[in-house]
Structures are given as structure tokens and as C-alpha cells.
Protein backbone atom coordinates (compact mmCIF):
# COMPACT_ATOMS: atom_id res chain seq x y z
CA MET A 1 87.99 109.76 125.91
CA TYR A 2 84.85 108.34 124.38
CA THR A 3 83.60 105.13 126.02
CA PRO A 4 80.78 103.41 124.13
CA LYS A 5 77.80 101.99 125.98
CA GLY A 6 75.61 99.16 124.80
CA GLN A 7 71.83 99.24 124.66
CA LYS A 8 71.66 98.11 128.28
CA GLY A 9 74.00 100.88 129.46
CA ILE A 10 76.94 98.53 130.02
CA LEU A 11 80.33 100.03 129.26
CA SER A 12 82.24 98.40 126.45
CA ASP A 13 85.97 97.70 126.83
CA TYR A 14 86.50 97.51 123.08
CA ILE A 15 88.00 100.49 121.30
CA ARG A 16 87.02 101.71 117.86
CA GLU A 17 89.35 100.38 115.18
CA PRO A 18 90.45 102.71 112.38
CA ASN A 19 89.56 101.88 108.80
CA PRO A 20 92.31 99.83 107.12
CA TYR A 21 94.20 101.33 104.21
CA TYR A 22 96.88 100.15 101.82
CA ALA A 23 100.38 101.57 102.12
CA ARG A 24 101.86 103.17 99.04
CA TYR A 25 105.21 102.02 97.67
CA ARG A 26 107.99 104.49 98.43
CA LYS A 27 109.60 106.57 95.72
CA LYS A 28 113.14 105.78 94.61
CA ALA A 29 114.59 108.85 96.38
CA GLN A 30 112.95 107.84 99.66
CA GLN A 31 114.24 104.28 99.31
CA THR A 32 117.77 105.56 98.72
CA CYS A 33 117.55 107.80 101.79
CA HIS A 34 116.26 104.93 103.94
CA ASN A 35 119.00 102.63 102.67
CA PHE A 36 121.65 105.23 103.49
CA HIS A 37 120.31 105.78 107.01
CA GLY A 38 120.18 102.02 107.55
CA ALA A 39 123.79 101.62 106.41
CA VAL A 40 124.92 104.44 108.73
CA GLY A 41 123.04 102.83 111.62
CA VAL A 42 124.63 99.43 110.98
CA PHE A 43 128.06 101.05 110.81
CA ASP A 44 127.48 102.93 114.09
CA VAL A 45 126.34 99.82 115.96
CA ASN A 46 129.16 97.67 114.57
CA SER A 47 131.81 100.25 115.37
CA THR A 48 130.47 100.62 118.93
CA VAL A 49 130.57 96.85 119.44
CA VAL A 50 134.08 96.55 118.03
CA VAL A 51 135.45 99.42 120.14
CA THR A 52 133.78 98.07 123.28
CA TRP A 53 134.94 94.51 122.63
CA LYS A 54 138.48 95.69 121.94
CA ASP A 55 138.74 97.56 125.28
CA THR A 56 137.60 94.63 127.46
């Protein structure tokens, strides 16, 4: 790992930060896929909670 030193030879605790960039908006097909996976995840969690709550 690279550790930068100042002019006096003192180690710096600060890391290099990457250059910022703008995120691109997702395509419609990707949005649909993400929405589907989110809905399946919500269904899985809700069904697990209902089954667990019902058995106690």
C-alpha cells in the first residue's frame, strides 16, 4: 500500500480520494429488472415474517 510522505518525511494518514464522476441513469430494462428483484425480496421477507409470527 502506498503511504504518502510530506516534505519533512512525516507519514500522512490521509488516503487519496478518487475523482468524482456522475452516475448515468439506468435503462428501462435495468429498471424493470431491479423493480422485479425488489418486489421478490419484499415478498420473501414478508412471507418469512408472517410464517414466523404465525408459528409463535
